[in-house]
Protein backbone atom coordinates (compact mmCIF):
# COMPACT_ATOMS: atom_id res chain seq x y z
CA MET A 1 107.42 91.98 119.56
CA VAL A 2 105.02 94.82 118.64
CA GLY A 3 104.55 97.91 120.77
CA GLY A 4 102.56 101.08 120.62
CA ALA A 5 98.98 102.17 121.09
CA PRO A 6 96.46 99.40 121.28
CA PHE A 7 94.39 98.70 118.18
CA ALA A 8 90.67 98.54 118.64
CA ARG A 9 90.02 95.00 117.41
CA ALA A 10 86.75 94.74 115.64
CA ASP A 11 84.86 91.51 115.88
CA VAL A 12 86.55 89.51 113.14
CA GLN A 13 84.72 86.54 111.76
CA PRO A 14 86.22 83.27 113.03
CA ASP A 15 86.84 82.09 109.46
CA LYS A 16 88.91 85.22 108.76
CA LYS A 17 90.98 84.60 111.87
CA LEU A 18 91.48 81.01 110.89
CA ALA A 19 92.48 82.04 107.35
CA TYR A 20 95.13 84.43 108.81
CA LEU A 21 96.41 81.78 111.17
CA ILE A 22 96.68 79.14 108.47
CA GLY A 23 98.32 81.58 106.08
CA VAL A 24 101.04 82.71 108.45
CA THR A 25 101.77 79.45 110.15
CA THR A 26 101.97 77.21 107.10
CA ARG A 27 104.15 79.47 105.03
CA PRO A 28 107.82 79.02 105.89
CA GLY A 29 109.82 81.79 107.45
CA TYR A 30 107.64 83.25 110.18
CA ASN A 31 108.03 80.49 112.81
CA PHE A 32 105.57 81.94 115.33
CA ALA A 33 105.83 80.04 118.65
CA SER A 34 102.05 79.95 119.11
CA ALA A 35 98.75 81.03 117.56
CA ASP A 36 98.59 83.79 120.18
CA GLU A 37 101.98 85.12 119.08
CA ALA A 38 100.84 85.09 115.42
CA PHE A 39 97.68 86.99 116.25
CA GLU A 40 99.57 89.48 118.43
CA TYR A 41 101.92 90.18 115.55
CA GLY A 42 99.08 90.56 113.07
CA TYR A 43 97.09 92.83 115.28
CA GLY A 44 100.26 94.82 115.84
CA ILE A 45 100.44 95.40 112.09
CA CYS A 46 96.82 96.52 112.16
CA ALA A 47 97.59 99.00 114.97
CA LYS A 48 100.48 100.44 113.05
CA VAL A 49 98.34 100.91 109.91
CA ALA A 50 95.65 102.56 112.04
CA ARG A 51 98.27 104.97 113.42
CA GLY A 52 99.33 105.85 109.89
CA VAL A 53 102.67 104.07 109.75
CA GLY A 54 103.57 103.93 106.06
CA TYR A 55 103.97 100.74 104.01
CA ALA A 56 107.69 101.22 103.50
CA GLN A 57 108.21 101.45 107.29
CA LEU A 58 105.96 98.44 107.90
CA MET A 59 107.92 96.46 105.34
CA ALA A 60 111.26 97.42 106.93
CA GLU A 61 110.03 96.43 110.35
CA VAL A 62 108.62 93.07 109.24
CA GLN A 63 111.81 92.25 107.36
CA ALA A 64 113.88 93.18 110.41
CA ASP A 65 111.72 91.15 112.73
CA PHE A 66 112.07 88.07 110.53
CA ASN A 67 115.67 88.70 109.42
CA THR A 68 114.89 88.70 105.71
CA SER A 69 115.21 90.99 102.74
CA ASP A 70 112.50 89.11 100.83
CA ASP A 71 109.86 91.67 99.92
CA TYR A 72 107.32 88.92 99.16
CA GLN A 73 107.64 87.45 102.65
CA GLY A 74 107.11 90.87 104.19
CA SER A 75 104.25 91.90 101.95
CA TYR A 76 102.52 88.51 102.44
CA LEU A 77 102.38 88.92 106.21
CA ILE A 78 101.26 92.55 106.00
CA SER A 79 98.55 91.65 103.49
CA GLN A 80 97.33 88.68 105.47
CA ALA A 81 96.97 90.83 108.57
CA ALA A 82 95.10 93.61 106.76
CA ASN A 83 92.85 91.28 104.71
CA GLU A 84 91.89 88.92 107.51
CA LEU A 85 92.27 90.84 110.80
CA CYS A 86 91.52 94.47 109.93
CA PRO A 87 89.85 94.70 106.53
CA GLU A 88 88.51 98.15 107.38
CA LEU A 89 92.13 99.36 107.02
CA ILE A 90 92.80 97.84 103.55
CA TRP A 91 92.37 101.18 101.69
CA GLN A 92 94.58 103.03 104.14
CA LEU A 93 97.25 100.33 103.63
CA ARG A 94 96.86 100.38 99.85
CA ASN A 95 97.12 104.18 99.69
CA SER A 96 100.31 103.96 101.77
CA ALA A 97 101.76 101.33 99.47
CA ALA A 98 100.77 103.06 96.22
CA HIS A 99 104.26 104.25 95.33
CA TYR A 100 106.30 101.69 97.26
CA ARG A 101 109.31 100.37 95.40
CA PRO A 102 111.58 97.77 96.96
CA PRO A 103 115.12 98.95 97.62
CA ALA A 104 117.57 97.98 94.93
CA GLY A 105 119.25 94.64 95.44
CA THR A 106 116.59 93.16 97.78
CA GLY A 107 114.48 90.11 97.27
CA PRO A 108 114.92 86.42 97.26
């Protein structure tokens, strides 16, 4: 589902990985087939942030991948990945999202 350059995965604390997994598998709408698929997707988000992909582009890709226009659903997954799997990239992601405004007419 996610391509591109590999992301150098830092040793993430097991409780952070568990928090990510619980967050993205219990919330409706993502429907990952397995824990491995959920982690692959999350680390893919991290890799994109590390490469400098902007928040608006990340949001568009997540929404396309999950066939939704719900900004909250997209931002939740992006935030979970950054907070739990690659916290060293949080400021880079926040700076990218600083002036993000959802497109008119989107949302739940």
